């Protein structure tokens, strides 16, 4: 009976030791997961900032292109307006010569 009791006590001690090890391992894994979550959040934040920066850069480029297009449109309209009298004069001369 004493041997069985001693064996049971050893089994209980082993179970306690195993439970302690398992608890430490679980705590360690949760710490790693927490670290990974923090790292993931930092990476996502950096990615969002990069996307925002690139979007702003593209928006600025598009605005600059629109300004250039608008300036060119005004230049073309000015040239067309200056050419109208000459074109009319040329057309009138062609009609007269026909």
PDB file of N, CA and C in Angstrom:
ATOM      1  N   UNK A   1       0.802  -1.181   0.000  1.00  0.00           N
ATOM      2  CA  UNK A   1       0.000   0.000   0.000  1.00  0.00           C
ATOM      3  C   UNK A   1       0.856   1.261   0.000  1.00  0.00           C
ATOM      4  N   UNK A   2       1.971   1.265   0.706  1.00  0.00           N
ATOM      5  CA  UNK A   2       2.867   2.414   0.739  1.00  0.00           C
ATOM      6  C   UNK A   2       3.507   2.645  -0.632  1.00  0.00           C
ATOM      7  N   UNK A   3       3.830   1.561  -1.319  1.00  0.00           N
ATOM      8  CA  UNK A   3       4.422   1.686  -2.653  1.00  0.00           C
ATOM      9  C   UNK A   3       3.433   2.341  -3.609  1.00  0.00           C
ATOM     10  N   UNK A   4       2.167   1.906  -3.516  1.00  0.00           N
ATOM     11  CA  UNK A   4       1.144   2.482  -4.394  1.00  0.00           C
ATOM     12  C   UNK A   4       0.949   3.957  -4.065  1.00  0.00           C
ATOM     13  N   UNK A   5       0.933   4.282  -2.779  1.00  0.00           N
ATOM     14  CA  UNK A   5       0.765   5.679  -2.374  1.00  0.00           C
ATOM     15  C   UNK A   5       1.936   6.503  -2.859  1.00  0.00           C
ATOM     16  N   UNK A   6       3.152   5.977  -2.730  1.00  0.00           N
ATOM     17  CA  UNK A   6       4.350   6.688  -3.181  1.00  0.00           C
ATOM     18  C   UNK A   6       4.303   6.873  -4.694  1.00  0.00           C
ATOM     19  N   UNK A   7       3.873   5.823  -5.399  1.00  0.00           N
ATOM     20  CA  UNK A   7       3.756   5.898  -6.853  1.00  0.00           C
ATOM     21  C   UNK A   7       2.720   6.956  -7.239  1.00  0.00           C
ATOM     22  N   UNK A   8       1.584   6.986  -6.537  1.00  0.00           N
ATOM     23  CA  UNK A   8       0.542   7.979  -6.809  1.00  0.00           C
ATOM     24  C   UNK A   8       1.059   9.390  -6.544  1.00  0.00           C
ATOM     25  N   UNK A   9       1.830   9.540  -5.479  1.00  0.00           N
ATOM     26  CA  UNK A   9       2.399  10.852  -5.145  1.00  0.00           C
ATOM     27  C   UNK A   9       3.365  11.296  -6.243  1.00  0.00           C
ATOM     28  N   UNK A  10       4.192  10.355  -6.709  1.00  0.00           N
ATOM     29  CA  UNK A  10       5.119  10.675  -7.793  1.00  0.00           C
ATOM     30  C   UNK A  10       4.353  11.062  -9.075  1.00  0.00           C
ATOM     31  N   UNK A  11       3.282  10.356  -9.336  1.00  0.00           N
ATOM     32  CA  UNK A  11       2.457  10.659 -10.504  1.00  0.00           C
ATOM     33  C   UNK A  11       1.866  12.059 -10.375  1.00  0.00           C
ATOM     34  N   UNK A  12       1.379  12.384  -9.170  1.00  0.00           N
ATOM     35  CA  UNK A  12       0.828  13.726  -8.941  1.00  0.00           C
ATOM     36  C   UNK A  12       1.907  14.791  -9.121  1.00  0.00           C
ATOM     37  N   UNK A  13       3.099  14.527  -8.611  1.00  0.00           N
ATOM     38  CA  UNK A  13       4.215  15.468  -8.770  1.00  0.00           C
ATOM     39  C   UNK A  13       4.550  15.646 -10.252  1.00  0.00           C
ATOM     40  N   UNK A  14       4.603  14.529 -10.977  1.00  0.00           N
ATOM     41  CA  UNK A  14       4.897  14.592 -12.413  1.00  0.00           C
ATOM     42  C   UNK A  14       3.829  15.390 -13.155  1.00  0.00           C
ATOM     43  N   UNK A  15       2.562  15.163 -12.773  1.00  0.00           N
ATOM     44  CA  UNK A  15       1.463  15.891 -13.416  1.00  0.00           C
ATOM     45  C   UNK A  15       1.564  17.389 -13.116  1.00  0.00           C
ATOM     46  N   UNK A  16       1.937  17.724 -11.880  1.00  0.00           N
ATOM     47  CA  UNK A  16       2.106  19.130 -11.502  1.00  0.00           C
ATOM     48  C   UNK A  16       3.237  19.773 -12.281  1.00  0.00           C
ATOM     49  N   UNK A  17       4.357  19.043 -12.406  1.00  0.00           N
ATOM     50  CA  UNK A  17       5.508  19.542 -13.155  1.00  0.00           C
ATOM     51  C   UNK A  17       5.135  19.740 -14.627  1.00  0.00           C
ATOM     52  N   UNK A  18       4.432  18.761 -15.164  1.00  0.00           N
ATOM     53  CA  UNK A  18       4.019  18.849 -16.567  1.00  0.00           C
ATOM     54  C   UNK A  18       3.055  20.024 -16.758  1.00  0.00           C
ATOM     55  N   UNK A  19       2.161  20.233 -15.834  1.00  0.00           N
ATOM     56  CA  UNK A  19       1.216  21.349 -15.923  1.00  0.00           C
ATOM     57  C   UNK A  19       1.958  22.675 -15.859  1.00  0.00           C
ATOM     58  N   UNK A  20       2.960  22.764 -14.984  1.00  0.00           N
ATOM     59  CA  UNK A  20       3.762  23.992 -14.887  1.00  0.00           C
ATOM     60  C   UNK A  20       4.505  24.262 -16.198  1.00  0.00           C
ATOM     61  N   UNK A  21       5.099  23.221 -16.761  1.00  0.00           N
ATOM     62  CA  UNK A  21       5.803  23.379 -18.037  1.00  0.00           C
ATOM     63  C   UNK A  21       4.848  23.811 -19.148  1.00  0.00           C
ATOM     64  N   UNK A  22       3.684  23.213 -19.177  1.00  0.00           N
ATOM     65  CA  UNK A  22       2.686  23.554 -20.190  1.00  0.00           C
ATOM     66  C   UNK A  22       2.240  25.002 -20.016  1.00  0.00           C
ATOM     67  N   UNK A  23       2.028  25.404 -18.783  1.00  0.00           N
ATOM     68  CA  UNK A  23       1.624  26.787 -18.508  1.00  0.00           C
ATOM     69  C   UNK A  23       2.701  27.766 -18.971  1.00  0.00           C
ATOM     70  N   UNK A  24       3.967  27.471 -18.655  1.00  0.00           N
ATOM     71  CA  UNK A  24       5.070  28.341 -19.087  1.00  0.00           C
ATOM     72  C   UNK A  24       5.145  28.403 -20.608  1.00  0.00           C
ATOM     73  N   UNK A  25       4.958  27.258 -21.263  1.00  0.00           N
ATOM     74  CA  UNK A  25       5.002  27.217 -22.721  1.00  0.00           C
ATOM     75  C   UNK A  25       3.854  28.045 -23.320  1.00  0.00           C
ATOM     76  N   UNK A  26       2.664  27.926 -22.750  1.00  0.00           N
ATOM     77  CA  UNK A  26       1.510  28.693 -23.233  1.00  0.00           C
ATOM     78  C   UNK A  26       1.770  30.186 -23.058  1.00  0.00           C
ATOM     79  N   UNK A  27       2.297  30.570 -21.901  1.00  0.00           N
ATOM     80  CA  UNK A  27       2.602  31.981 -21.658  1.00  0.00           C
ATOM     81  C   UNK A  27       3.648  32.481 -22.657  1.00  0.00           C
ATOM     82  N   UNK A  28       4.642  31.661 -22.904  1.00  0.00           N
ATOM     83  CA  UNK A  28       5.686  32.023 -23.872  1.00  0.00           C
ATOM     84  C   UNK A  28       5.094  32.215 -25.265  1.00  0.00           C
ATOM     85  N   UNK A  29       4.215  31.304 -25.667  1.00  0.00           N
ATOM     86  CA  UNK A  29       3.589  31.398 -26.991  1.00  0.00           C
ATOM     87  C   UNK A  29       2.716  32.647 -27.098  1.00  0.00           C
ATOM     88  N   UNK A  30       1.994  32.974 -26.026  1.00  0.00           N
ATOM     89  CA  UNK A  30       1.167  34.177 -26.054  1.00  0.00           C
ATOM     90  C   UNK A  30       2.027  35.435 -26.147  1.00  0.00           C
ATOM     91  N   UNK A  31       3.163  35.440 -25.470  1.00  0.00           N
ATOM     92  CA  UNK A  31       4.078  36.581 -25.578  1.00  0.00           C
ATOM     93  C   UNK A  31       4.568  36.729 -27.015  1.00  0.00           C
ATOM     94  N   UNK A  32       4.901  35.604 -27.659  1.00  0.00           N
ATOM     95  CA  UNK A  32       5.333  35.652 -29.065  1.00  0.00           C
ATOM     96  C   UNK A  32       4.212  36.168 -29.951  1.00  0.00           C
ATOM     97  N   UNK A  33       2.997  35.693 -29.711  1.00  0.00           N
ATOM     98  CA  UNK A  33       1.854  36.145 -30.505  1.00  0.00           C
ATOM     99  C   UNK A  33       1.611  37.636 -30.320  1.00  0.00           C
ATOM    100  N   UNK A  34       1.749  38.097 -29.085  1.00  0.00           N
ATOM    101  CA  UNK A  34       1.567  39.522 -28.811  1.00  0.00           C
ATOM    102  C   UNK A  34       2.624  40.331 -29.571  1.00  0.00           C
ATOM    103  N   UNK A  35       3.865  39.866 -29.518  1.00  0.00           N
ATOM    104  CA  UNK A  35       4.942  40.547 -30.251  1.00  0.00           C
ATOM    105  C   UNK A  35       4.642  40.560 -31.745  1.00  0.00           C
ATOM    106  N   UNK A  36       4.184  39.428 -32.265  1.00  0.00           N
ATOM    107  CA  UNK A  36       3.872  39.352 -33.693  1.00  0.00           C
ATOM    108  C   UNK A  36       2.708  40.278 -34.051  1.00  0.00           C
ATOM    109  N   UNK A  37       1.739  40.396 -33.170  1.00  0.00           N
ATOM    110  CA  UNK A  37       0.613  41.303 -33.434  1.00  0.00           C
ATOM    111  C   UNK A  37       1.094  42.741 -33.497  1.00  0.00           C
ATOM    112  N   UNK A  38       1.957  43.107 -32.571  1.00  0.00           N
ATOM    113  CA  UNK A  38       2.515  44.465 -32.569  1.00  0.00           C
ATOM    114  C   UNK A  38       3.318  44.693 -33.847  1.00  0.00           C
ATOM    115  N   UNK A  39       4.112  43.710 -34.224  1.00  0.00           N
ATOM    116  CA  UNK A  39       4.916  43.820 -35.448  1.00  0.00           C
ATOM    117  C   UNK A  39       4.013  43.922 -36.680  1.00  0.00           C
ATOM    118  N   UNK A  40       2.947  43.135 -36.709  1.00  0.00           N
ATOM    119  CA  UNK A  40       2.010  43.178 -37.840  1.00  0.00           C
ATOM    120  C   UNK A  40       1.338  44.540 -37.920  1.00  0.00           C
ATOM    121  N   UNK A  41       0.932  45.089 -36.789  1.00  0.00           N
ATOM    122  CA  UNK A  41       0.301  46.400 -36.776  1.00  0.00           C
ATOM    123  C   UNK A  41       1.262  47.471 -37.286  1.00  0.00           C
ATOM    124  N   UNK A  42       2.522  47.383 -36.893  1.00  0.00           N
ATOM    125  CA  UNK A  42       3.522  48.353 -37.367  1.00  0.00           C
ATOM    126  C   UNK A  42       3.722  48.225 -38.870  1.00  0.00           C
ATOM    127  N   UNK A  43       3.754  47.008 -39.363  1.00  0.00           N
ATOM    128  CA  UNK A  43       3.932  46.782 -40.800  1.00  0.00           C
ATOM    129  C   UNK A  43       2.733  47.310 -41.571  1.00  0.00           C
ATOM    130  N   UNK A  44       1.542  47.056 -41.073  1.00  0.00           N
ATOM    131  CA  UNK A  44       0.324  47.541 -41.736  1.00  0.00           C
ATOM    132  C   UNK A  44       0.295  49.067 -41.729  1.00  0.00           C
ATOM    133  N   UNK A  45       0.670  49.672 -40.614  1.00  0.00           N
ATOM    134  CA  UNK A  45       0.717  51.134 -40.535  1.00  0.00           C
ATOM    135  C   UNK A  45       1.704  51.697 -41.548  1.00  0.00           C
ATOM    136  N   UNK A  46       2.876  51.081 -41.649  1.00  0.00           N
ATOM    137  CA  UNK A  46       3.880  51.541 -42.619  1.00  0.00           C
ATOM    138  C   UNK A  46       3.358  51.393 -44.044  1.00  0.00           C
ATOM    139  N   UNK A  47       2.679  50.289 -44.315  1.00  0.00           N
ATOM    140  CA  UNK A  47       2.114  50.067 -45.645  1.00  0.00           C
ATOM    141  C   UNK A  47       1.071  51.132 -45.974  1.00  0.00           C
ATOM    142  N   UNK A  48       0.190  51.419 -45.038  1.00  0.00           N
ATOM    143  CA  UNK A  48      -0.845  52.443 -45.254  1.00  0.00           C
ATOM    144  C   UNK A  48      -0.213  53.808 -45.510  1.00  0.00           C
ATOM    145  N   UNK A  49       0.826  54.132 -44.752  1.00  0.00           N
ATOM    146  CA  UNK A  49       1.505  55.412 -44.945  1.00  0.00           C
ATOM    147  C   UNK A  49       2.139  55.481 -46.329  1.00  0.00           C
ATOM    148  N   UNK A  50       2.739  54.376 -46.770  1.00  0.00           N
ATOM    149  CA  UNK A  50       3.358  54.340 -48.093  1.00  0.00           C
ATOM    150  C   UNK A  50       2.306  54.504 -49.186  1.00  0.00           C
ATOM    151  N   UNK A  51       1.179  53.829 -49.037  1.00  0.00           N
ATOM    152  CA  UNK A  51       0.092  53.945 -50.018  1.00  0.00           C
ATOM    153  C   UNK A  51      -0.421  55.381 -50.058  1.00  0.00           C
ATOM    154  N   UNK A  52      -0.594  55.975 -48.881  1.00  0.00           N
ATOM    155  CA  UNK A  52      -1.071  57.363 -48.813  1.00  0.00           C
ATOM    156  C   UNK A  52      -0.078  58.310 -49.488  1.00  0.00           C
ATOM    157  N   UNK A  53       1.197  58.088 -49.239  1.00  0.00           N
ATOM    158  CA  UNK A  53       2.248  58.927 -49.838  1.00  0.00           C
ATOM    159  C   UNK A  53       2.228  58.799 -51.360  1.00  0.00           C
ATOM    160  N   UNK A  54       2.124  57.564 -51.855  1.00  0.00           N
ATOM    161  CA  UNK A  54       2.094  57.345 -53.303  1.00  0.00           C
ATOM    162  C   UNK A  54       0.834  57.930 -53.927  1.00  0.00           C
ATOM    163  N   UNK A  55      -0.308  57.804 -53.232  1.00  0.00           N
ATOM    164  CA  UNK A  55      -1.552  58.395 -53.741  1.00  0.00           C
ATOM    165  C   UNK A  55      -1.427  59.909 -53.849  1.00  0.00           C
ATOM    166  N   UNK A  56      -0.827  60.534 -52.857  1.00  0.00           N
ATOM    167  CA  UNK A  56      -0.641  61.988 -52.884  1.00  0.00           C
ATOM    168  C   UNK A  56       0.285  62.371 -54.030  1.00  0.00           C
ATOM    169  N   UNK A  57       1.346  61.599 -54.196  1.00  0.00           N
ATOM    170  CA  UNK A  57       2.292  61.881 -55.275  1.00  0.00           C
ATOM    171  C   UNK A  57       1.595  61.786 -56.634  1.00  0.00           C
ATOM    172  N   UNK A  58       0.780  60.753 -56.826  1.00  0.00           N
ATOM    173  CA  UNK A  58       0.063  60.594 -58.094  1.00  0.00           C
ATOM    174  C   UNK A  58      -0.952  61.716 -58.283  1.00  0.00           C
ATOM    175  N   UNK A  59      -1.635  62.105 -57.217  1.00  0.00           N
ATOM    176  CA  UNK A  59      -2.605  63.194 -57.290  1.00  0.00           C
ATOM    177  C   UNK A  59      -1.892  64.482 -57.700  1.00  0.00           C
ATOM    178  N   UNK A  60      -0.732  64.742 -57.108  1.00  0.00           N
ATOM    179  CA  UNK A  60       0.038  65.937 -57.454  1.00  0.00           C
ATOM    180  C   UNK A  60       0.463  65.901 -58.925  1.00  0.00           C
ATOM    181  N   UNK A  61       0.897  64.742 -59.392  1.00  0.00           N
ATOM    182  CA  UNK A  61       1.299  64.612 -60.799  1.00  0.00           C
ATOM    183  C   UNK A  61       0.119  64.852 -61.732  1.00  0.00           C
ATOM    184  N   UNK A  62      -1.039  64.296 -61.388  1.00  0.00           N
ATOM    185  CA  UNK A  62      -2.228  64.490 -62.219  1.00  0.00           C
ATOM    186  C   UNK A  62      -2.642  65.955 -62.252  1.00  0.00           C
ATOM    187  N   UNK A  63      -2.570  66.628 -61.117  1.00  0.00           N
ATOM    188  CA  UNK A  63      -2.898  68.050 -61.069  1.00  0.00           C
ATOM    189  C   UNK A  63      -1.937  68.847 -61.947  1.00  0.00           C
ATOM    190  N   UNK A  64      -0.651  68.507 -61.894  1.00  0.00           N
ATOM    191  CA  UNK A  64       0.340  69.195 -62.727  1.00  0.00           C
ATOM    192  C   UNK A  64       0.062  68.945 -64.207  1.00  0.00           C
ATOM    193  N   UNK A  65      -0.259  67.692 -64.556  1.00  0.00           N
ATOM    194  CA  UNK A  65      -0.583  67.382 -65.947  1.00  0.00           C
ATOM    195  C   UNK A  65      -1.821  68.153 -66.396  1.00  0.00           C
ATOM    196  N   UNK A  66      -2.825  68.242 -65.546  1.00  0.00           N
ATOM    197  CA  UNK A  66      -4.031  68.991 -65.885  1.00  0.00           C
ATOM    198  C   UNK A  66      -3.720  70.471 -66.110  1.00  0.00           C
ATOM    199  N   UNK A  67      -2.823  71.026 -65.305  1.00  0.00           N
ATOM    200  CA  UNK A  67      -2.417  72.423 -65.514  1.00  0.00           C
ATOM    201  C   UNK A  67      -1.732  72.591 -66.860  1.00  0.00           C
ATOM    202  N   UNK A  68      -0.859  71.642 -67.211  1.00  0.00           N
ATOM    203  CA  UNK A  68      -0.171  71.705 -68.514  1.00  0.00           C
ATOM    204  C   UNK A  68      -1.169  71.569 -69.663  1.00  0.00           C
ATOM    205  N   UNK A  69      -2.102  70.646 -69.526  1.00  0.00           N
ATOM    206  CA  UNK A  69      -3.119  70.446 -70.570  1.00  0.00           C
ATOM    207  C   UNK A  69      -3.948  71.712 -70.742  1.00  0.00           C
ATOM    208  N   UNK A  70      -4.327  72.300 -69.627  1.00  0.00           N
ATOM    209  CA  UNK A  70      -5.115  73.535 -69.679  1.00  0.00           C
ATOM    210  C   UNK A  70      -4.320  74.656 -70.361  1.00  0.00           C
ATOM    211  N   UNK A  71      -3.049  74.784 -70.012  1.00  0.00           N
ATOM    212  CA  UNK A  71      -2.200  75.819 -70.631  1.00  0.00           C
ATOM    213  C   UNK A  71      -2.086  75.572 -72.130  1.00  0.00           C
ATOM    214  N   UNK A  72      -1.886  74.328 -72.519  1.00  0.00           N
ATOM    215  CA  UNK A  72      -1.782  74.013 -73.944  1.00  0.00           C
ATOM    216  C   UNK A  72      -3.098  74.290 -74.668  1.00  0.00           C
ATOM    217  N   UNK A  73      -4.207  74.005 -74.032  1.00  0.00           N
ATOM    218  CA  UNK A  73      -5.516  74.286 -74.632  1.00  0.00           C
ATOM    219  C   UNK A  73      -5.683  75.778 -74.883  1.00  0.00           C
ATOM    220  N   UNK A  74      -5.251  76.595 -73.937  1.00  0.00           N
ATOM    221  CA  UNK A  74      -5.334  78.052 -74.115  1.00  0.00           C
ATOM    222  C   UNK A  74      -4.427  78.514 -75.262  1.00  0.00           C
ATOM    223  N   UNK A  75      -3.251  77.944 -75.343  1.00  0.00           N
ATOM    224  CA  UNK A  75      -2.328  78.304 -76.424  1.00  0.00           C
ATOM    225  C   UNK A  75      -2.947  77.952 -77.775  1.00  0.00           C
ATOM    226  N   UNK A  76      -3.526  76.749 -77.864  1.00  0.00           N
ATOM    227  CA  UNK A  76      -4.150  76.311 -79.125  1.00  0.00           C
ATOM    228  C   UNK A  76      -5.310  77.245 -79.493  1.00  0.00           C
ATOM    229  N   UNK A  77      -6.134  77.607 -78.517  1.00  0.00           N
ATOM    230  CA  UNK A  77      -7.260  78.518 -78.789  1.00  0.00           C
ATOM    231  C   UNK A  77      -6.753  79.869 -79.261  1.00  0.00           C
ATOM    232  N   UNK A  78      -5.696  80.380 -78.638  1.00  0.00           N
ATOM    233  CA  UNK A  78      -5.122  81.660 -79.063  1.00  0.00           C
ATOM    234  C   UNK A  78      -4.618  81.579 -80.496  1.00  0.00           C
ATOM    235  N   UNK A  79      -3.937  80.496 -80.815  1.00  0.00           N
ATOM    236  CA  UNK A  79      -3.414  80.320 -82.182  1.00  0.00           C
ATOM    237  C   UNK A  79      -4.574  80.244 -83.176  1.00  0.00           C
ATOM    238  N   UNK A  80      -5.610  79.491 -82.819  1.00  0.00           N
ATOM    239  CA  UNK A  80      -6.777  79.383 -83.705  1.00  0.00           C
ATOM    240  C   UNK A  80      -7.419  80.748 -83.924  1.00  0.00           C
ATOM    241  N   UNK A  81      -7.544  81.542 -82.856  1.00  0.00           N
ATOM    242  CA  UNK A  81      -8.147  82.873 -82.979  1.00  0.00           C
ATOM    243  C   UNK A  81      -7.300  83.774 -83.874  1.00  0.00           C
ATOM    244  N   UNK A  82      -5.992  83.683 -83.748  1.00  0.00           N
ATOM    245  CA  UNK A  82      -5.119  84.505 -84.588  1.00  0.00           C
ATOM    246  C   UNK A  82      -5.134  84.051 -86.038  1.00  0.00           C
ATOM    247  N   UNK A  83      -5.402  82.763 -86.246  1.00  0.00           N
ATOM    248  CA  UNK A  83      -5.402  82.231 -87.611  1.00  0.00           C
ATOM    249  C   UNK A  83      -6.727  82.481 -88.330  1.00  0.00           C
ATOM    250  N   UNK A  84      -7.782  82.727 -87.619  1.00  0.00           N
ATOM    251  CA  UNK A  84      -9.098  82.908 -88.247  1.00  0.00           C
ATOM    252  C   UNK A  84      -9.089  83.998 -89.321  1.00  0.00           C
ATOM    253  N   UNK A  85      -8.603  85.193 -89.033  1.00  0.00           N
ATOM    254  CA  UNK A  85      -8.618  86.227 -90.081  1.00  0.00           C
ATOM    255  C   UNK A  85      -7.791  85.816 -91.313  1.00  0.00           C
ATOM    256  N   UNK A  86      -6.662  85.190 -91.074  1.00  0.00           N
ATOM    257  CA  UNK A  86      -5.820  84.753 -92.192  1.00  0.00           C
ATOM    258  C   UNK A  86      -6.523  83.661 -92.987  1.00  0.00           C
ATOM    259  N   UNK A  87      -7.182  82.746 -92.279  1.00  0.00           N
ATOM    260  CA  UNK A  87      -7.884  81.660 -92.956  1.00  0.00           C
ATOM    261  C   UNK A  87      -9.041  82.216 -93.767  1.00  0.00           C
ATOM    262  N   UNK A  88      -9.779  83.161 -93.202  1.00  0.00           N
ATOM    263  CA  UNK A  88     -10.883  83.774 -93.934  1.00  0.00           C
ATOM    264  C   UNK A  88     -10.372  84.518 -95.164  1.00  0.00           C
ATOM    265  N   UNK A  89      -9.285  85.228 -94.988  1.00  0.00           N
ATOM    266  CA  UNK A  89      -8.690  85.967 -96.103  1.00  0.00           C
ATOM    267  C   UNK A  89      -8.260  85.005 -97.191  1.00  0.00           C
ATOM    268  N   UNK A  90      -7.667  83.896 -96.811  1.00  0.00           N
ATOM    269  CA  UNK A  90      -7.230  82.894 -97.780  1.00  0.00           C
ATOM    270  C   UNK A  90      -8.419  82.293 -98.494  1.00  0.00           C
ATOM    271  N   UNK A  91      -9.472  82.001 -97.755  1.00  0.00           N
ATOM    272  CA  UNK A  91     -10.696  81.428 -98.366  1.00  0.00           C
ATOM    273  C   UNK A  91     -11.324  82.444 -99.344  1.00  0.00           C
ATOM    274  N   UNK A  92     -11.365  83.705 -98.927  1.00  0.00           N
ATOM    275  CA  UNK A  92     -11.943  84.722 -99.813  1.00  0.00           C
ATOM    276  C   UNK A  92     -11.126  84.872-101.094  1.00  0.00           C
ATOM    277  N   UNK A  93      -9.823  84.812-100.976  1.00  0.00           N
ATOM    278  CA  UNK A  93      -8.979  84.925-102.174  1.00  0.00           C
ATOM    279  C   UNK A  93      -9.208  83.734-103.090  1.00  0.00           C
ATOM    280  N   UNK A  94      -9.352  82.545-102.490  1.00  0.00           N
ATOM    281  CA  UNK A  94      -9.593  81.364-103.325  1.00  0.00           C
ATOM    282  C   UNK A  94     -10.921  81.485-104.050  1.00  0.00           C
ATOM    283  N   UNK A  95     -11.922  81.997-103.361  1.00  0.00           N
ATOM    284  CA  UNK A  95     -13.253  82.168-104.002  1.00  0.00           C
ATOM    285  C   UNK A  95     -13.179  83.168-105.131  1.00  0.00           C
ATOM    286  N   UNK A  96     -12.462  84.270-104.901  1.00  0.00           N
ATOM    287  CA  UNK A  96     -12.338  85.303-105.923  1.00  0.00           C
ATOM    288  C   UNK A  96     -11.597  84.744-107.147  1.00  0.00           C
ATOM    289  N   UNK A  97     -10.587  83.974-106.924  1.00  0.00           N
ATOM    290  CA  UNK A  97      -9.799  83.421-108.036  1.00  0.00           C
ATOM    291  C   UNK A  97     -10.570  82.369-108.806  1.00  0.00           C
ATOM    292  N   UNK A  98     -11.518  81.735-108.178  1.00  0.00           N
ATOM    293  CA  UNK A  98     -12.294  80.714-108.888  1.00  0.00           C
ATOM    294  C   UNK A  98     -13.261  81.401-109.784  1.00  0.00           C
TER     295      UNK A  98
END
